[in-house]
N, C-alpha and C. Protein backbone atom coordinates (compact mmCIF):
# COMPACT_ATOMS: atom_id res chain seq x y z
N UNK A 1 18.52 10.92 21.20
CA UNK A 1 18.35 11.21 19.78
C UNK A 1 17.98 9.93 19.03
N UNK A 2 17.08 10.07 18.10
CA UNK A 2 16.69 8.94 17.27
C UNK A 2 17.22 9.15 15.85
N UNK A 3 17.29 8.07 15.12
CA UNK A 3 17.74 8.13 13.73
C UNK A 3 16.60 7.68 12.84
N UNK A 4 16.30 8.49 11.82
CA UNK A 4 15.24 8.17 10.86
C UNK A 4 15.78 8.31 9.45
N UNK A 5 15.08 7.72 8.48
CA UNK A 5 15.51 7.71 7.09
C UNK A 5 14.36 8.14 6.20
N UNK A 6 14.64 9.07 5.28
CA UNK A 6 13.64 9.43 4.28
C UNK A 6 13.49 8.29 3.27
N UNK A 7 12.35 8.23 2.63
CA UNK A 7 12.08 7.21 1.63
C UNK A 7 13.13 7.25 0.51
N UNK A 8 13.50 8.45 0.07
CA UNK A 8 14.50 8.60 -1.01
C UNK A 8 15.82 7.93 -0.60
N UNK A 9 16.23 8.13 0.64
CA UNK A 9 17.47 7.52 1.13
C UNK A 9 17.38 6.00 1.06
N UNK A 10 16.26 5.44 1.51
CA UNK A 10 16.10 3.99 1.52
C UNK A 10 16.06 3.41 0.10
N UNK A 11 15.41 4.11 -0.83
CA UNK A 11 15.36 3.65 -2.22
C UNK A 11 16.77 3.62 -2.80
N UNK A 12 17.53 4.68 -2.59
CA UNK A 12 18.90 4.72 -3.10
C UNK A 12 19.77 3.64 -2.45
N UNK A 13 19.56 3.41 -1.18
CA UNK A 13 20.32 2.38 -0.47
C UNK A 13 20.05 1.00 -1.05
N UNK A 14 18.79 0.70 -1.31
CA UNK A 14 18.42 -0.63 -1.81
C UNK A 14 18.88 -0.86 -3.25
N UNK A 15 19.16 0.20 -4.00
CA UNK A 15 19.65 0.06 -5.37
C UNK A 15 21.14 -0.24 -5.44
N UNK A 16 21.83 -0.12 -4.31
CA UNK A 16 23.28 -0.32 -4.29
C UNK A 16 23.64 -1.80 -4.28
N UNK A 17 24.86 -2.08 -4.67
CA UNK A 17 25.43 -3.43 -4.61
C UNK A 17 25.42 -3.92 -3.15
N UNK A 18 25.24 -5.22 -2.95
CA UNK A 18 25.18 -5.79 -1.60
C UNK A 18 26.42 -5.48 -0.77
N UNK A 19 27.60 -5.49 -1.40
CA UNK A 19 28.83 -5.19 -0.68
C UNK A 19 28.84 -3.77 -0.15
N UNK A 20 28.38 -2.83 -0.97
CA UNK A 20 28.31 -1.42 -0.55
C UNK A 20 27.26 -1.27 0.55
N UNK A 21 26.13 -1.95 0.40
CA UNK A 21 25.10 -1.90 1.44
C UNK A 21 25.66 -2.36 2.77
N UNK A 22 26.43 -3.44 2.75
CA UNK A 22 27.02 -3.98 3.98
C UNK A 22 27.96 -2.97 4.62
N UNK A 23 28.77 -2.31 3.80
CA UNK A 23 29.71 -1.31 4.28
C UNK A 23 28.96 -0.13 4.93
N UNK A 24 27.93 0.35 4.27
CA UNK A 24 27.15 1.47 4.80
C UNK A 24 26.40 1.06 6.07
N UNK A 25 25.86 -0.14 6.08
CA UNK A 25 25.12 -0.62 7.24
C UNK A 25 26.03 -0.70 8.48
N UNK A 26 27.28 -1.14 8.29
CA UNK A 26 28.22 -1.21 9.40
C UNK A 26 28.46 0.18 9.99
N UNK A 27 28.61 1.19 9.14
CA UNK A 27 28.84 2.56 9.61
C UNK A 27 27.60 3.10 10.32
N UNK A 28 26.42 2.81 9.78
CA UNK A 28 25.19 3.27 10.42
C UNK A 28 24.99 2.60 11.77
N UNK A 29 25.32 1.32 11.87
CA UNK A 29 25.23 0.64 13.16
C UNK A 29 26.19 1.24 14.17
N UNK A 30 27.39 1.62 13.69
CA UNK A 30 28.35 2.28 14.58
C UNK A 30 27.79 3.59 15.09
N UNK A 31 27.14 4.33 14.20
CA UNK A 31 26.55 5.61 14.59
C UNK A 31 25.45 5.40 15.62
N UNK A 32 24.68 4.31 15.50
CA UNK A 32 23.63 4.00 16.46
C UNK A 32 24.22 3.71 17.83
N UNK A 33 25.36 2.99 17.85
CA UNK A 33 25.97 2.60 19.12
C UNK A 33 26.58 3.77 19.87
N UNK A 34 27.18 4.70 19.14
CA UNK A 34 27.83 5.85 19.76
C UNK A 34 26.75 6.86 20.15
N UNK A 35 26.96 7.50 21.27
CA UNK A 35 26.03 8.57 21.66
C UNK A 35 26.06 9.64 20.57
N UNK A 36 24.92 9.93 19.97
CA UNK A 36 24.87 10.84 18.83
C UNK A 36 25.34 12.24 19.17
N UNK A 37 25.17 12.65 20.42
CA UNK A 37 25.64 13.96 20.83
C UNK A 37 27.16 14.04 20.76
N UNK A 38 27.84 12.90 20.97
CA UNK A 38 29.30 12.86 20.97
C UNK A 38 29.85 12.51 19.59
N UNK A 39 29.00 12.12 18.67
CA UNK A 39 29.46 11.72 17.35
C UNK A 39 29.95 12.95 16.58
N UNK A 40 31.09 12.86 15.89
CA UNK A 40 31.62 14.03 15.17
C UNK A 40 30.82 14.32 13.90
N UNK A 41 30.01 15.36 13.94
CA UNK A 41 29.19 15.74 12.78
C UNK A 41 29.99 16.68 11.90
N UNK A 42 30.06 16.37 10.60
CA UNK A 42 30.82 17.18 9.65
C UNK A 42 29.84 17.93 8.75
N UNK A 43 29.77 19.25 8.95
CA UNK A 43 28.82 20.08 8.20
C UNK A 43 29.26 20.25 6.75
N UNK A 44 28.27 20.29 5.86
CA UNK A 44 28.54 20.57 4.45
C UNK A 44 28.65 22.08 4.27
N UNK A 45 29.48 22.49 3.33
CA UNK A 45 29.65 23.92 3.07
C UNK A 45 28.87 24.31 1.82
N UNK A 46 28.55 25.58 1.73
CA UNK A 46 27.79 26.07 0.59
C UNK A 46 26.37 26.40 0.99
N UNK A 47 25.83 27.43 0.36
CA UNK A 47 24.48 27.90 0.71
C UNK A 47 23.41 26.84 0.47
N UNK A 48 23.56 26.04 -0.59
CA UNK A 48 22.54 25.03 -0.91
C UNK A 48 22.55 23.86 0.08
N UNK A 49 23.61 23.75 0.90
CA UNK A 49 23.72 22.64 1.85
C UNK A 49 23.56 23.11 3.30
N UNK A 50 23.04 24.30 3.51
CA UNK A 50 22.91 24.86 4.85
C UNK A 50 22.08 23.92 5.75
N UNK A 51 22.63 23.59 6.89
CA UNK A 51 21.94 22.75 7.85
C UNK A 51 22.12 21.26 7.62
N UNK A 52 22.91 20.88 6.62
CA UNK A 52 23.12 19.46 6.31
C UNK A 52 24.52 19.02 6.73
N UNK A 53 24.62 17.75 7.06
CA UNK A 53 25.87 17.15 7.47
C UNK A 53 26.15 15.94 6.59
N UNK A 54 27.43 15.48 6.58
CA UNK A 54 27.76 14.31 5.79
C UNK A 54 28.43 13.27 6.66
N UNK A 55 28.22 12.03 6.28
CA UNK A 55 28.89 10.90 6.89
C UNK A 55 29.66 10.22 5.77
N UNK A 56 30.98 10.19 5.89
CA UNK A 56 31.83 9.62 4.84
C UNK A 56 32.04 8.14 5.12
N UNK A 57 31.77 7.33 4.08
CA UNK A 57 32.00 5.89 4.15
C UNK A 57 32.68 5.49 2.84
N UNK A 58 33.99 5.44 2.86
CA UNK A 58 34.73 5.15 1.63
C UNK A 58 34.45 6.23 0.61
N UNK A 59 34.01 5.83 -0.58
CA UNK A 59 33.67 6.78 -1.64
C UNK A 59 32.22 7.23 -1.59
N UNK A 60 31.50 6.83 -0.57
CA UNK A 60 30.08 7.14 -0.45
C UNK A 60 29.85 8.22 0.60
N UNK A 61 28.83 9.04 0.36
CA UNK A 61 28.47 10.10 1.30
C UNK A 61 27.00 9.94 1.66
N UNK A 62 26.73 9.98 2.96
CA UNK A 62 25.38 9.92 3.47
C UNK A 62 25.06 11.30 4.02
N UNK A 63 24.05 11.94 3.49
CA UNK A 63 23.71 13.31 3.85
C UNK A 63 22.53 13.27 4.82
N UNK A 64 22.67 14.02 5.92
CA UNK A 64 21.62 14.03 6.94
C UNK A 64 21.51 15.41 7.57
N UNK A 65 20.42 15.59 8.31
CA UNK A 65 20.24 16.82 9.07
C UNK A 65 19.81 16.46 10.48
N UNK A 66 20.04 17.37 11.38
CA UNK A 66 19.70 17.17 12.78
C UNK A 66 18.63 18.20 13.13
N UNK A 67 17.49 17.71 13.60
CA UNK A 67 16.40 18.61 13.96
C UNK A 67 15.52 17.95 15.02
N UNK A 68 15.11 18.74 15.97
CA UNK A 68 14.18 18.28 17.01
C UNK A 68 14.62 16.99 17.68
N UNK A 69 15.90 16.88 17.97
CA UNK A 69 16.40 15.71 18.69
C UNK A 69 16.47 14.44 17.88
N UNK A 70 16.47 14.56 16.56
CA UNK A 70 16.60 13.36 15.72
C UNK A 70 17.53 13.61 14.55
N UNK A 71 18.15 12.55 14.10
CA UNK A 71 19.00 12.58 12.92
C UNK A 71 18.17 12.02 11.77
N UNK A 72 18.02 12.80 10.71
CA UNK A 72 17.22 12.39 9.56
C UNK A 72 18.12 12.27 8.35
N UNK A 73 18.33 11.03 7.88
CA UNK A 73 19.14 10.79 6.69
C UNK A 73 18.30 11.13 5.47
N UNK A 74 18.80 12.05 4.66
CA UNK A 74 18.07 12.61 3.53
C UNK A 74 18.36 11.87 2.24
N UNK A 75 19.64 11.69 1.93
CA UNK A 75 20.04 11.07 0.68
C UNK A 75 21.43 10.47 0.82
N UNK A 76 21.83 9.73 -0.19
CA UNK A 76 23.19 9.19 -0.23
C UNK A 76 23.62 9.09 -1.67
N UNK A 77 24.92 9.04 -1.89
CA UNK A 77 25.44 8.93 -3.24
C UNK A 77 26.94 8.82 -3.26
N UNK A 78 27.46 8.52 -4.44
CA UNK A 78 28.90 8.44 -4.62
C UNK A 78 29.47 9.85 -4.53
N UNK A 79 30.67 9.96 -4.02
CA UNK A 79 31.27 11.28 -3.80
C UNK A 79 31.40 12.11 -5.06
N UNK A 80 31.49 11.47 -6.22
CA UNK A 80 31.62 12.21 -7.47
C UNK A 80 30.30 12.80 -7.94
N UNK A 81 29.18 12.37 -7.37
CA UNK A 81 27.86 12.81 -7.86
C UNK A 81 27.03 13.53 -6.80
N UNK A 82 27.28 13.30 -5.55
CA UNK A 82 26.36 13.74 -4.49
C UNK A 82 26.26 15.25 -4.35
N UNK A 83 27.31 16.00 -4.64
CA UNK A 83 27.32 17.43 -4.41
C UNK A 83 26.85 18.26 -5.60
N UNK A 84 26.41 17.61 -6.66
CA UNK A 84 25.97 18.35 -7.85
C UNK A 84 24.54 18.80 -7.74
């Protein structure tokens, strides 16, 4: 499995504080190291989130989907705003 990032995800990532970027980068690197098939994927609930998963990093949520043997990170945001 490969990991890819949408442009929107990267733009939001680069707008974050350096400390938050470092925290998120550490979690993403951990996800790269672990076999993705064995990684615990947490599905989002609700009709508007069908097929999407979340990765929790402190107060931040990274939203992604799995398709065709790849993990595609769609967006990210603070937990108070991401689900609206």
